[in-house]
Amino acid sequence: MQTQLPKFIHFSESMSENDKPRLCGQFRLESNCIYLQGHFPSAPILPGVAQLDWVVELAAQYWSTPTSIQRIEVLKFNDMILPEATVDLFIERKREDCVTFKYSDGNKALSSGRLVFN
């Protein structure tokens, strides 16, 4: 199955304070998002694997990183991403083989981690 990225309200590429490439976007998680189907039927949430897949896909599109990862480090799921939530996504390229990411709702951290590519 091909990754279906969210429809971003806005999305930009810039440099971080540490002079690292950075992607910043904001999206509203539509209630008909394919990734909400079956997870869970009575109380849908965005699965963690979908969150990771979006980061991998965006990094590959913008920085030509591999689409397979070697390992996931410091992964944290602080809160659920629910249908109709407005979510900010930040991805930073730390090294050629590594990106960090953070999903948040304003100042509220939703999930974060570091992906190391093959």
Protein backbone atom coordinates (compact mmCIF):
# COMPACT_ATOMS: atom_id res chain seq x y z
CA MET A 1 0.00 0.00 0.00
CA GLN A 2 1.31 3.43 -0.89
CA THR A 3 1.55 5.97 1.93
CA GLN A 4 -1.29 8.47 2.01
CA LEU A 5 0.05 11.65 3.57
CA PRO A 6 -2.33 14.01 5.37
CA LYS A 7 -3.59 17.12 3.59
CA PHE A 8 -1.39 19.83 5.02
CA ILE A 9 -2.87 23.23 5.88
CA HIS A 10 0.62 24.60 5.45
CA PHE A 11 4.01 23.00 4.93
CA SER A 12 7.50 24.46 4.63
CA GLU A 13 11.14 23.52 4.42
CA SER A 14 13.67 25.64 6.33
CA MET A 15 16.82 25.47 8.43
CA SER A 16 16.68 24.94 12.21
CA GLU A 17 18.48 27.06 14.80
CA ASN A 18 21.28 24.45 14.61
CA ASP A 19 21.57 24.97 10.83
CA LYS A 20 19.96 21.60 10.08
CA PRO A 21 17.34 21.02 7.35
CA ARG A 22 13.84 21.05 8.80
CA LEU A 23 10.31 20.33 7.59
CA CYS A 24 7.36 21.96 9.36
CA GLY A 25 3.73 21.32 8.62
CA GLN A 26 0.28 21.49 10.09
CA PHE A 27 -2.63 19.24 9.19
CA ARG A 28 -6.12 18.41 10.37
CA LEU A 29 -6.63 14.67 10.81
CA GLU A 30 -9.73 14.04 8.71
CA SER A 31 -12.20 11.62 10.26
CA ASN A 32 -12.25 9.61 7.00
CA CYS A 33 -8.45 9.07 7.05
CA ILE A 34 -7.75 5.49 5.90
CA TYR A 35 -5.42 4.94 8.88
CA LEU A 36 -8.26 5.44 11.36
CA GLN A 37 -10.22 2.50 9.95
CA GLY A 38 -10.07 -0.43 12.35
CA HIS A 39 -7.84 1.29 14.93
CA PHE A 40 -10.11 1.22 16.88
CA PRO A 41 -13.68 0.94 15.48
CA SER A 42 -15.43 2.47 18.49
CA ALA A 43 -12.71 5.00 19.38
CA PRO A 44 -10.41 5.72 16.40
CA ILE A 45 -6.86 7.03 16.92
CA LEU A 46 -3.99 7.56 14.49
CA PRO A 47 -1.74 4.49 14.79
CA GLY A 48 1.90 5.04 15.72
CA VAL A 49 3.02 3.09 12.66
CA ALA A 50 1.20 5.62 10.42
CA GLN A 51 2.93 8.50 12.22
CA LEU A 52 6.32 6.86 11.62
CA ASP A 53 5.46 6.10 7.99
CA TRP A 54 4.59 9.76 7.33
CA VAL A 55 7.97 10.87 8.71
CA VAL A 56 9.84 8.29 6.61
CA GLU A 57 7.91 9.27 3.46
CA LEU A 58 8.40 13.02 3.90
CA ALA A 59 12.12 12.64 4.65
CA ALA A 60 12.51 10.50 1.53
CA GLN A 61 10.61 13.01 -0.63
CA TYR A 62 12.53 16.07 0.55
CA TRP A 63 15.97 14.69 1.41
CA SER A 64 16.16 11.42 -0.54
CA THR A 65 16.65 9.37 2.63
CA PRO A 66 16.02 5.61 2.40
CA THR A 67 12.48 4.38 2.97
CA SER A 68 13.64 1.63 5.30
CA ILE A 69 14.90 2.31 8.78
CA GLN A 70 17.57 0.49 10.74
CA ARG A 71 16.28 1.43 14.18
CA ILE A 72 13.94 3.70 16.11
CA GLU A 73 15.35 5.51 19.13
CA VAL A 74 13.79 7.48 22.00
CA LEU A 75 10.27 6.83 20.68
CA LYS A 76 7.56 8.37 22.84
CA PHE A 77 3.81 8.40 22.40
CA ASN A 78 2.64 11.03 24.89
CA ASP A 79 -0.99 11.34 23.79
CA MET A 80 -3.40 10.07 21.17
CA ILE A 81 -4.01 11.80 17.85
CA LEU A 82 -7.77 11.80 17.43
CA PRO A 83 -9.98 12.48 14.41
CA GLU A 84 -10.41 16.19 13.59
CA ALA A 85 -7.32 17.14 15.65
CA THR A 86 -5.11 19.90 14.28
CA VAL A 87 -1.54 18.65 14.48
CA ASP A 88 1.87 20.25 13.97
CA LEU A 89 4.65 18.07 12.58
CA PHE A 90 8.35 18.94 12.79
CA ILE A 91 11.05 16.81 11.17
CA GLU A 92 14.74 17.67 11.41
CA ARG A 93 17.61 16.00 9.61
CA LYS A 94 20.27 15.49 12.26
CA ARG A 95 22.73 13.53 10.10
CA GLU A 96 22.76 11.91 6.67
CA ASP A 97 21.33 8.74 8.24
CA CYS A 98 19.14 10.21 11.00
CA VAL A 99 16.04 12.37 11.46
CA THR A 100 14.11 13.42 14.55
CA PHE A 101 10.40 14.17 14.59
CA LYS A 102 7.74 15.64 16.83
CA TYR A 103 3.97 15.67 16.48
CA SER A 104 2.28 18.23 18.72
CA ASP A 105 -0.96 20.08 19.32
CA GLY A 106 0.21 23.56 20.21
CA ASN A 107 2.46 23.13 23.26
CA LYS A 108 1.15 19.60 23.93
CA ALA A 109 3.57 16.87 22.79
CA LEU A 110 1.78 14.00 21.06
CA SER A 111 4.71 11.84 19.91
CA SER A 112 8.39 12.11 19.10
CA GLY A 113 11.43 10.06 18.26
CA ARG A 114 14.56 9.55 16.22
CA LEU A 115 14.82 7.36 13.13
CA VAL A 116 18.13 5.93 11.91
CA PHE A 117 18.16 4.79 8.28
CA ASN A 118 19.93 1.85 6.65
